[in-house]
Amino acid sequence: HKGIGCYTNGTTEVTVTDQNDYVNKVRFYRPTYVDVHVHLKIKK
């Protein structure tokens, strides 16, 4: 689905062989989870 000649960027690399037996290296990211610390003080 990407554009022709468009480089795929990422830290996860997978080798995909297309219908013409051409080997393609496809890269993408898995998300990094960042804990969110929330401090809330409420007024009654």
All heavy atoms as atom14 arrays in JSON, in Angstrom:
{
  "sequence": "HKGIGCYTNGTTEVTVTDQNDYVNKVRFYRPTYVDVHVHLKIKK",
  "atom14_mask": [
    [1, 1, 1, 1, 1, 1, 1, 1, 1, 1, 0, 0, 0, 0],
    [1, 1, 1, 1, 1, 1, 1, 1, 1, 0, 0, 0, 0, 0],
    [1, 1, 1, 1, 0, 0, 0, 0, 0, 0, 0, 0, 0, 0],
    [1, 1, 1, 1, 1, 1, 1, 1, 0, 0, 0, 0, 0, 0],
    [1, 1, 1, 1, 0, 0, 0, 0, 0, 0, 0, 0, 0, 0],
    [1, 1, 1, 1, 1, 1, 0, 0, 0, 0, 0, 0, 0, 0],
    [1, 1, 1, 1, 1, 1, 1, 1, 1, 1, 1, 1, 0, 0],
    [1, 1, 1, 1, 1, 1, 1, 0, 0, 0, 0, 0, 0, 0],
    [1, 1, 1, 1, 1, 1, 1, 1, 0, 0, 0, 0, 0, 0],
    [1, 1, 1, 1, 0, 0, 0, 0, 0, 0, 0, 0, 0, 0],
    [1, 1, 1, 1, 1, 1, 1, 0, 0, 0, 0, 0, 0, 0],
    [1, 1, 1, 1, 1, 1, 1, 0, 0, 0, 0, 0, 0, 0],
    [1, 1, 1, 1, 1, 1, 1, 1, 1, 0, 0, 0, 0, 0],
    [1, 1, 1, 1, 1, 1, 1, 0, 0, 0, 0, 0, 0, 0],
    [1, 1, 1, 1, 1, 1, 1, 0, 0, 0, 0, 0, 0, 0],
    [1, 1, 1, 1, 1, 1, 1, 0, 0, 0, 0, 0, 0, 0],
    [1, 1, 1, 1, 1, 1, 1, 0, 0, 0, 0, 0, 0, 0],
    [1, 1, 1, 1, 1, 1, 1, 1, 0, 0, 0, 0, 0, 0],
    [1, 1, 1, 1, 1, 1, 1, 1, 1, 0, 0, 0, 0, 0],
    [1, 1, 1, 1, 1, 1, 1, 1, 0, 0, 0, 0, 0, 0],
    [1, 1, 1, 1, 1, 1, 1, 1, 0, 0, 0, 0, 0, 0],
    [1, 1, 1, 1, 1, 1, 1, 1, 1, 1, 1, 1, 0, 0],
    [1, 1, 1, 1, 1, 1, 1, 0, 0, 0, 0, 0, 0, 0],
    [1, 1, 1, 1, 1, 1, 1, 1, 0, 0, 0, 0, 0, 0],
    [1, 1, 1, 1, 1, 1, 1, 1, 1, 0, 0, 0, 0, 0],
    [1, 1, 1, 1, 1, 1, 1, 0, 0, 0, 0, 0, 0, 0],
    [1, 1, 1, 1, 1, 1, 1, 1, 1, 1, 1, 0, 0, 0],
    [1, 1, 1, 1, 1, 1, 1, 1, 1, 1, 1, 0, 0, 0],
    [1, 1, 1, 1, 1, 1, 1, 1, 1, 1, 1, 1, 0, 0],
    [1, 1, 1, 1, 1, 1, 1, 1, 1, 1, 1, 0, 0, 0],
    [1, 1, 1, 1, 1, 1, 1, 0, 0, 0, 0, 0, 0, 0],
    [1, 1, 1, 1, 1, 1, 1, 0, 0, 0, 0, 0, 0, 0],
    [1, 1, 1, 1, 1, 1, 1, 1, 1, 1, 1, 1, 0, 0],
    [1, 1, 1, 1, 1, 1, 1, 0, 0, 0, 0, 0, 0, 0],
    [1, 1, 1, 1, 1, 1, 1, 1, 0, 0, 0, 0, 0, 0],
    [1, 1, 1, 1, 1, 1, 1, 0, 0, 0, 0, 0, 0, 0],
    [1, 1, 1, 1, 1, 1, 1, 1, 1, 1, 0, 0, 0, 0],
    [1, 1, 1, 1, 1, 1, 1, 0, 0, 0, 0, 0, 0, 0],
    [1, 1, 1, 1, 1, 1, 1, 1, 1, 1, 0, 0, 0, 0],
    [1, 1, 1, 1, 1, 1, 1, 1, 0, 0, 0, 0, 0, 0],
    [1, 1, 1, 1, 1, 1, 1, 1, 1, 0, 0, 0, 0, 0],
    [1, 1, 1, 1, 1, 1, 1, 1, 0, 0, 0, 0, 0, 0],
    [1, 1, 1, 1, 1, 1, 1, 1, 1, 0, 0, 0, 0, 0],
    [1, 1, 1, 1, 1, 1, 1, 1, 1, 0, 0, 0, 0, 0]
  ],
  "atom14_positions": [
    [[0.8, -1.23, 0.0], [0.0, 0.0, 0.0], [0.83, 1.28, 0.0], [0.29, 2.36, -0.28], [-0.95, 0.03, 1.2], [-2.07, -0.97, 1.1], [-1.92, -2.29, 1.49], [-3.35, -0.86, 0.65], [-3.06, -2.94, 1.28], [-3.93, -2.1, 0.78], [0.0, 0.0, 0.0], [0.0, 0.0, 0.0], [0.0, 0.0, 0.0], [0.0, 0.0, 0.0]],
    [[2.11, 1.18, 0.3], [2.95, 2.38, 0.3], [3.21, 2.83, -1.14], [2.94, 2.11, -2.1], [4.27, 2.09, 1.01], [5.23, 1.2, 0.21], [6.52, 1.02, 0.93], [7.51, 0.18, 0.09], [7.95, 0.9, -1.12], [0.0, 0.0, 0.0], [0.0, 0.0, 0.0], [0.0, 0.0, 0.0], [0.0, 0.0, 0.0], [0.0, 0.0, 0.0]],
    [[3.76, 4.02, -1.28], [4.1, 4.51, -2.6], [5.3, 3.8, -3.21], [6.16, 3.27, -2.5], [0.0, 0.0, 0.0], [0.0, 0.0, 0.0], [0.0, 0.0, 0.0], [0.0, 0.0, 0.0], [0.0, 0.0, 0.0], [0.0, 0.0, 0.0], [0.0, 0.0, 0.0], [0.0, 0.0, 0.0], [0.0, 0.0, 0.0], [0.0, 0.0, 0.0]],
    [[5.37, 3.78, -4.52], [6.47, 3.13, -5.22], [7.77, 3.88, -4.93], [7.82, 5.11, -5.0], [6.2, 3.11, -6.74], [4.95, 2.29, -7.03], [7.41, 2.56, -7.49], [4.54, 2.33, -8.48], [0.0, 0.0, 0.0], [0.0, 0.0, 0.0], [0.0, 0.0, 0.0], [0.0, 0.0, 0.0], [0.0, 0.0, 0.0], [0.0, 0.0, 0.0]],
    [[8.81, 3.14, -4.59], [10.11, 3.74, -4.32], [10.19, 4.46, -2.99], [11.17, 5.17, -2.73], [0.0, 0.0, 0.0], [0.0, 0.0, 0.0], [0.0, 0.0, 0.0], [0.0, 0.0, 0.0], [0.0, 0.0, 0.0], [0.0, 0.0, 0.0], [0.0, 0.0, 0.0], [0.0, 0.0, 0.0], [0.0, 0.0, 0.0], [0.0, 0.0, 0.0]],
    [[9.19, 4.27, -2.14], [9.16, 4.96, -0.85], [9.86, 4.11, 0.2], [9.54, 2.93, 0.38], [7.71, 5.2, -0.44], [7.51, 6.26, 0.99], [0.0, 0.0, 0.0], [0.0, 0.0, 0.0], [0.0, 0.0, 0.0], [0.0, 0.0, 0.0], [0.0, 0.0, 0.0], [0.0, 0.0, 0.0], [0.0, 0.0, 0.0], [0.0, 0.0, 0.0]],
    [[10.83, 4.68, 0.89], [11.59, 3.96, 1.91], [10.73, 3.75, 3.14], [9.99, 4.65, 3.56], [12.84, 4.77, 2.27], [13.67, 4.18, 3.39], [14.53, 3.11, 3.14], [13.58, 4.68, 4.68], [15.29, 2.56, 4.17], [14.33, 4.15, 5.72], [15.19, 3.08, 5.46], [15.93, 2.54, 6.47], [0.0, 0.0, 0.0], [0.0, 0.0, 0.0]],
    [[10.79, 2.55, 3.7], [10.05, 2.27, 4.93], [10.99, 2.44, 6.13], [12.08, 1.89, 6.16], [9.48, 0.84, 4.92], [10.53, -0.11, 4.71], [8.43, 0.69, 3.82], [0.0, 0.0, 0.0], [0.0, 0.0, 0.0], [0.0, 0.0, 0.0], [0.0, 0.0, 0.0], [0.0, 0.0, 0.0], [0.0, 0.0, 0.0], [0.0, 0.0, 0.0]],
    [[10.53, 3.19, 7.1], [11.37, 3.57, 8.24], [10.86, 2.89, 9.51], [9.65, 2.82, 9.75], [11.34, 5.09, 8.42], [12.11, 5.56, 9.63], [13.22, 5.09, 9.89], [11.52, 6.47, 10.39], [0.0, 0.0, 0.0], [0.0, 0.0, 0.0], [0.0, 0.0, 0.0], [0.0, 0.0, 0.0], [0.0, 0.0, 0.0], [0.0, 0.0, 0.0]],
    [[11.79, 2.4, 10.34], [11.4, 1.8, 11.61], [12.49, 0.9, 12.16], [13.52, 0.66, 11.51], [0.0, 0.0, 0.0], [0.0, 0.0, 0.0], [0.0, 0.0, 0.0], [0.0, 0.0, 0.0], [0.0, 0.0, 0.0], [0.0, 0.0, 0.0], [0.0, 0.0, 0.0], [0.0, 0.0, 0.0], [0.0, 0.0, 0.0], [0.0, 0.0, 0.0]],
    [[12.27, 0.42, 13.36], [13.26, -0.43, 14.04], [12.95, -1.92, 13.93], [13.79, -2.76, 14.21], [13.35, -0.05, 15.52], [12.04, -0.1, 16.11], [13.91, 1.36, 15.69], [0.0, 0.0, 0.0], [0.0, 0.0, 0.0], [0.0, 0.0, 0.0], [0.0, 0.0, 0.0], [0.0, 0.0, 0.0], [0.0, 0.0, 0.0], [0.0, 0.0, 0.0]],
    [[11.72, -2.26, 13.53], [11.36, -3.66, 13.29], [11.47, -3.92, 11.8], [10.82, -3.24, 11.0], [9.93, -3.95, 13.77], [9.84, -3.73, 15.18], [9.53, -5.4, 13.47], [0.0, 0.0, 0.0], [0.0, 0.0, 0.0], [0.0, 0.0, 0.0], [0.0, 0.0, 0.0], [0.0, 0.0, 0.0], [0.0, 0.0, 0.0], [0.0, 0.0, 0.0]],
    [[12.27, -4.89, 11.42], [12.5, -5.17, 10.0], [12.03, -6.58, 9.67], [12.38, -7.54, 10.35], [13.98, -5.02, 9.64], [14.28, -5.23, 8.16], [15.74, -4.98, 7.81], [16.12, -3.79, 7.72], [16.5, -5.96, 7.63], [0.0, 0.0, 0.0], [0.0, 0.0, 0.0], [0.0, 0.0, 0.0], [0.0, 0.0, 0.0], [0.0, 0.0, 0.0]],
    [[11.24, -6.7, 8.61], [10.69, -7.98, 8.18], [10.97, -8.15, 6.69], [10.81, -7.21, 5.91], [9.17, -8.06, 8.43], [8.61, -9.39, 7.93], [8.86, -7.88, 9.91], [0.0, 0.0, 0.0], [0.0, 0.0, 0.0], [0.0, 0.0, 0.0], [0.0, 0.0, 0.0], [0.0, 0.0, 0.0], [0.0, 0.0, 0.0], [0.0, 0.0, 0.0]],
    [[11.38, -9.34, 6.31], [11.64, -9.64, 4.9], [10.37, -10.22, 4.27], [9.81, -11.2, 4.77], [12.79, -10.65, 4.74], [13.98, -10.07, 5.31], [13.04, -10.97, 3.27], [0.0, 0.0, 0.0], [0.0, 0.0, 0.0], [0.0, 0.0, 0.0], [0.0, 0.0, 0.0], [0.0, 0.0, 0.0], [0.0, 0.0, 0.0], [0.0, 0.0, 0.0]],
    [[9.91, -9.6, 3.19], [8.7, -10.03, 2.51], [9.04, -10.37, 1.06], [9.63, -9.55, 0.35], [7.61, -8.94, 2.53], [6.37, -9.41, 1.79], [7.27, -8.56, 3.96], [0.0, 0.0, 0.0], [0.0, 0.0, 0.0], [0.0, 0.0, 0.0], [0.0, 0.0, 0.0], [0.0, 0.0, 0.0], [0.0, 0.0, 0.0], [0.0, 0.0, 0.0]],
    [[8.69, -11.56, 0.63], [8.88, -11.97, -0.77], [7.57, -11.77, -1.51], [6.55, -12.36, -1.15], [9.31, -13.44, -0.86], [10.51, -13.64, -0.09], [9.56, -13.85, -2.3], [0.0, 0.0, 0.0], [0.0, 0.0, 0.0], [0.0, 0.0, 0.0], [0.0, 0.0, 0.0], [0.0, 0.0, 0.0], [0.0, 0.0, 0.0], [0.0, 0.0, 0.0]],
    [[7.58, -10.91, -2.53], [6.34, -10.59, -3.24], [6.02, -11.67, -4.29], [6.72, -12.68, -4.42], [6.41, -9.21, -3.86], [7.52, -9.07, -4.9], [7.96, -10.1, -5.46], [7.96, -7.93, -5.16], [0.0, 0.0, 0.0], [0.0, 0.0, 0.0], [0.0, 0.0, 0.0], [0.0, 0.0, 0.0], [0.0, 0.0, 0.0], [0.0, 0.0, 0.0]],
    [[4.94, -11.44, -5.05], [4.48, -12.42, -6.02], [5.46, -12.64, -7.16], [5.35, -13.64, -7.89], [3.11, -12.02, -6.57], [3.09, -10.68, -7.28], [2.71, -9.55, -6.34], [3.08, -9.57, -5.17], [1.97, -8.58, -6.85], [0.0, 0.0, 0.0], [0.0, 0.0, 0.0], [0.0, 0.0, 0.0], [0.0, 0.0, 0.0], [0.0, 0.0, 0.0]],
    [[6.42, -11.73, -7.31], [7.44, -11.88, -8.35], [8.75, -12.45, -7.78], [9.78, -12.37, -8.44], [7.7, -10.52, -9.01], [6.48, -9.99, -9.72], [5.77, -10.74, -10.41], [6.2, -8.7, -9.55], [0.0, 0.0, 0.0], [0.0, 0.0, 0.0], [0.0, 0.0, 0.0], [0.0, 0.0, 0.0], [0.0, 0.0, 0.0], [0.0, 0.0, 0.0]],
    [[8.67, -12.99, -6.56], [9.83, -13.57, -5.87], [10.91, -12.54, -5.58], [12.08, -12.91, -5.4], [10.42, -14.74, -6.68], [9.47, -15.93, -6.74], [8.72, -16.14, -5.77], [9.49, -16.64, -7.76], [0.0, 0.0, 0.0], [0.0, 0.0, 0.0], [0.0, 0.0, 0.0], [0.0, 0.0, 0.0], [0.0, 0.0, 0.0], [0.0, 0.0, 0.0]],
    [[10.53, -11.28, -5.53], [11.5, -10.24, -5.18], [11.48, -10.06, -3.66], [10.42, -9.94, -3.05], [11.15, -8.92, -5.87], [12.17, -7.83, -5.64], [13.36, -7.79, -6.36], [11.94, -6.85, -4.66], [14.3, -6.8, -6.13], [12.87, -5.86, -4.43], [14.05, -5.84, -5.16], [14.99, -4.86, -4.93], [0.0, 0.0, 0.0], [0.0, 0.0, 0.0]],
    [[12.65, -10.07, -3.07], [12.77, -9.95, -1.62], [12.8, -8.48, -1.21], [13.65, -7.72, -1.7], [14.02, -10.68, -1.11], [14.15, -10.5, 0.4], [13.96, -12.17, -1.47], [0.0, 0.0, 0.0], [0.0, 0.0, 0.0], [0.0, 0.0, 0.0], [0.0, 0.0, 0.0], [0.0, 0.0, 0.0], [0.0, 0.0, 0.0], [0.0, 0.0, 0.0]],
    [[11.87, -8.09, -0.34], [11.77, -6.7, 0.11], [11.98, -6.64, 1.62], [11.47, -7.48, 2.37], [10.38, -6.13, -0.2], [10.02, -6.22, -1.66], [10.26, -5.31, -2.43], [9.43, -7.36, -2.07], [0.0, 0.0, 0.0], [0.0, 0.0, 0.0], [0.0, 0.0, 0.0], [0.0, 0.0, 0.0], [0.0, 0.0, 0.0], [0.0, 0.0, 0.0]],
    [[12.73, -5.65, 2.05], [12.88, -5.39, 3.48], [11.93, -4.27, 3.88], [12.03, -3.16, 3.36], [14.33, -5.02, 3.8], [15.31, -6.18, 3.67], [16.71, -5.78, 4.1], [17.66, -6.97, 4.02], [19.04, -6.61, 4.44], [0.0, 0.0, 0.0], [0.0, 0.0, 0.0], [0.0, 0.0, 0.0], [0.0, 0.0, 0.0], [0.0, 0.0, 0.0]],
    [[11.04, -4.6, 4.77], [10.03, -3.63, 5.21], [10.28, -3.31, 6.69], [10.4, -4.22, 7.51], [8.6, -4.17, 5.03], [7.57, -3.14, 5.5], [8.36, -4.54, 3.57], [0.0, 0.0, 0.0], [0.0, 0.0, 0.0], [0.0, 0.0, 0.0], [0.0, 0.0, 0.0], [0.0, 0.0, 0.0], [0.0, 0.0, 0.0], [0.0, 0.0, 0.0]],
    [[10.33, -2.03, 6.98], [10.61, -1.59, 8.35], [9.41, -0.8, 8.9], [8.75, -0.07, 8.15], [11.87, -0.72, 8.39], [13.17, -1.49, 8.12], [14.27, -0.57, 7.61], [13.96, -0.09, 6.27], [14.31, -0.74, 5.14], [14.97, -1.88, 5.23], [14.01, -0.25, 3.96], [0.0, 0.0, 0.0], [0.0, 0.0, 0.0], [0.0, 0.0, 0.0]],
    [[9.17, -0.97, 10.19], [8.13, -0.21, 10.88], [8.45, -0.17, 12.36], [9.38, -0.85, 12.83], [6.73, -0.81, 10.64], [6.59, -2.25, 11.05], [6.15, -2.59, 12.32], [6.9, -3.28, 10.17], [6.03, -3.91, 12.71], [6.78, -4.62, 10.54], [6.34, -4.93, 11.82], [0.0, 0.0, 0.0], [0.0, 0.0, 0.0], [0.0, 0.0, 0.0]],
    [[7.69, 0.61, 13.1], [7.9, 0.73, 14.55], [6.8, 0.01, 15.31], [5.64, -0.04, 14.87], [7.86, 2.2, 14.99], [9.1, 3.0, 14.7], [9.17, 3.84, 13.59], [10.21, 2.95, 15.55], [10.3, 4.6, 13.33], [11.34, 3.71, 15.3], [11.39, 4.53, 14.19], [12.5, 5.27, 13.92], [0.0, 0.0, 0.0], [0.0, 0.0, 0.0]],
    [[7.18, -0.55, 16.44], [6.22, -0.91, 17.47], [6.23, 0.23, 18.49], [7.29, 0.78, 18.79], [6.61, -2.23, 18.15], [6.49, -3.45, 17.24], [5.08, -3.66, 16.76], [4.9, -4.97, 16.12], [3.77, -5.37, 15.59], [2.7, -4.56, 15.6], [3.67, -6.56, 15.02], [0.0, 0.0, 0.0], [0.0, 0.0, 0.0], [0.0, 0.0, 0.0]],
    [[5.07, 0.63, 19.0], [5.05, 1.79, 19.89], [5.79, 1.55, 21.21], [5.78, 0.44, 21.74], [3.56, 2.03, 20.14], [2.93, 0.69, 19.91], [3.72, 0.04, 18.84], [0.0, 0.0, 0.0], [0.0, 0.0, 0.0], [0.0, 0.0, 0.0], [0.0, 0.0, 0.0], [0.0, 0.0, 0.0], [0.0, 0.0, 0.0], [0.0, 0.0, 0.0]],
    [[6.4, 2.6, 21.7], [7.02, 2.58, 23.02], [6.0, 3.1, 24.02], [5.42, 4.17, 23.83], [8.28, 3.46, 23.05], [9.22, 2.95, 22.1], [8.91, 3.46, 24.44], [0.0, 0.0, 0.0], [0.0, 0.0, 0.0], [0.0, 0.0, 0.0], [0.0, 0.0, 0.0], [0.0, 0.0, 0.0], [0.0, 0.0, 0.0], [0.0, 0.0, 0.0]],
    [[5.77, 2.35, 25.08], [4.76, 2.73, 26.07], [5.38, 3.65, 27.13], [6.43, 3.34, 27.7], [4.17, 1.49, 26.73], [3.42, 0.61, 25.76], [4.05, -0.45, 25.13], [2.09, 0.86, 25.45], [3.39, -1.25, 24.22], [1.4, 0.08, 24.54], [2.06, -0.98, 23.93], [1.38, -1.77, 23.02], [0.0, 0.0, 0.0], [0.0, 0.0, 0.0]],
    [[4.74, 4.77, 27.33], [5.23, 5.77, 28.29], [4.21, 5.92, 29.4], [3.06, 6.33, 29.16], [5.46, 7.13, 27.59], [5.95, 8.16, 28.61], [6.43, 6.99, 26.44], [0.0, 0.0, 0.0], [0.0, 0.0, 0.0], [0.0, 0.0, 0.0], [0.0, 0.0, 0.0], [0.0, 0.0, 0.0], [0.0, 0.0, 0.0], [0.0, 0.0, 0.0]],
    [[4.6, 5.55, 30.61], [3.69, 5.72, 31.75], [3.38, 7.2, 31.96], [4.28, 8.05, 31.88], [4.31, 5.15, 33.03], [4.22, 3.63, 33.08], [3.46, 3.06, 32.28], [4.91, 3.03, 33.92], [0.0, 0.0, 0.0], [0.0, 0.0, 0.0], [0.0, 0.0, 0.0], [0.0, 0.0, 0.0], [0.0, 0.0, 0.0], [0.0, 0.0, 0.0]],
    [[2.12, 7.49, 32.22], [1.69, 8.86, 32.48], [1.4, 9.0, 33.97], [0.52, 8.33, 34.51], [0.44, 9.22, 31.67], [0.02, 10.66, 31.95], [0.69, 9.02, 30.18], [0.0, 0.0, 0.0], [0.0, 0.0, 0.0], [0.0, 0.0, 0.0], [0.0, 0.0, 0.0], [0.0, 0.0, 0.0], [0.0, 0.0, 0.0], [0.0, 0.0, 0.0]],
    [[2.17, 9.85, 34.63], [1.96, 10.11, 36.05], [1.06, 11.34, 36.18], [1.34, 12.4, 35.61], [3.29, 10.35, 36.75], [4.15, 9.11, 36.83], [4.32, 8.39, 38.0], [4.87, 8.47, 35.88], [5.1, 7.36, 37.76], [5.46, 7.39, 36.49], [0.0, 0.0, 0.0], [0.0, 0.0, 0.0], [0.0, 0.0, 0.0], [0.0, 0.0, 0.0]],
    [[0.0, 11.18, 36.92], [-0.98, 12.26, 37.11], [-1.13, 12.53, 38.6], [-1.36, 11.6, 39.39], [-2.35, 11.89, 36.52], [-3.34, 13.04, 36.73], [-2.23, 11.55, 35.04], [0.0, 0.0, 0.0], [0.0, 0.0, 0.0], [0.0, 0.0, 0.0], [0.0, 0.0, 0.0], [0.0, 0.0, 0.0], [0.0, 0.0, 0.0], [0.0, 0.0, 0.0]],
    [[-0.96, 13.78, 38.97], [-1.2, 14.2, 40.36], [-2.35, 15.2, 40.34], [-2.27, 16.26, 39.73], [0.04, 14.84, 40.97], [-0.18, 15.37, 42.35], [-0.12, 14.58, 43.47], [-0.5, 16.61, 42.8], [-0.38, 15.3, 44.54], [-0.61, 16.54, 44.16], [0.0, 0.0, 0.0], [0.0, 0.0, 0.0], [0.0, 0.0, 0.0], [0.0, 0.0, 0.0]],
    [[-3.43, 14.83, 41.0], [-4.63, 15.67, 41.02], [-5.03, 15.96, 42.45], [-5.15, 15.06, 43.27], [-5.78, 14.98, 40.29], [-7.16, 15.62, 40.42], [-7.2, 16.98, 39.74], [-8.24, 14.7, 39.85], [0.0, 0.0, 0.0], [0.0, 0.0, 0.0], [0.0, 0.0, 0.0], [0.0, 0.0, 0.0], [0.0, 0.0, 0.0], [0.0, 0.0, 0.0]],
    [[-5.23, 17.24, 42.73], [-5.77, 17.65, 44.02], [-7.11, 18.32, 43.78], [-7.21, 19.27, 43.0], [-4.82, 18.62, 44.73], [-5.24, 18.96, 46.16], [-4.19, 19.8, 46.86], [-4.61, 20.09, 48.31], [-3.59, 20.91, 49.03], [0.0, 0.0, 0.0], [0.0, 0.0, 0.0], [0.0, 0.0, 0.0], [0.0, 0.0, 0.0], [0.0, 0.0, 0.0]],
    [[-8.14, 17.79, 44.42], [-9.48, 18.33, 44.19], [-9.96, 19.11, 45.4], [-9.5, 18.91, 46.53], [-10.49, 17.2, 43.86], [-10.55, 16.18, 44.99], [-10.13, 16.52, 42.57], [-11.56, 15.07, 44.76], [0.0, 0.0, 0.0], [0.0, 0.0, 0.0], [0.0, 0.0, 0.0], [0.0, 0.0, 0.0], [0.0, 0.0, 0.0], [0.0, 0.0, 0.0]],
    [[-10.9, 20.02, 45.14], [-11.5, 20.84, 46.19], [-12.94, 20.4, 46.38], [-13.72, 20.38, 45.42], [-11.43, 22.31, 45.8], [-11.95, 23.26, 46.87], [-11.78, 24.71, 46.45], [-12.27, 25.65, 47.53], [-12.12, 27.08, 47.13], [0.0, 0.0, 0.0], [0.0, 0.0, 0.0], [0.0, 0.0, 0.0], [0.0, 0.0, 0.0], [0.0, 0.0, 0.0]],
    [[-13.29, 20.05, 47.6], [-14.63, 19.55, 47.88], [-15.65, 20.68, 47.99], [-15.37, 21.72, 48.57], [-14.63, 18.74, 49.19], [-13.78, 17.49, 49.15], [-13.99, 16.63, 50.39], [-13.53, 17.32, 51.64], [-13.65, 16.42, 52.84], [0.0, 0.0, 0.0], [0.0, 0.0, 0.0], [0.0, 0.0, 0.0], [0.0, 0.0, 0.0], [0.0, 0.0, 0.0]]
  ]
}
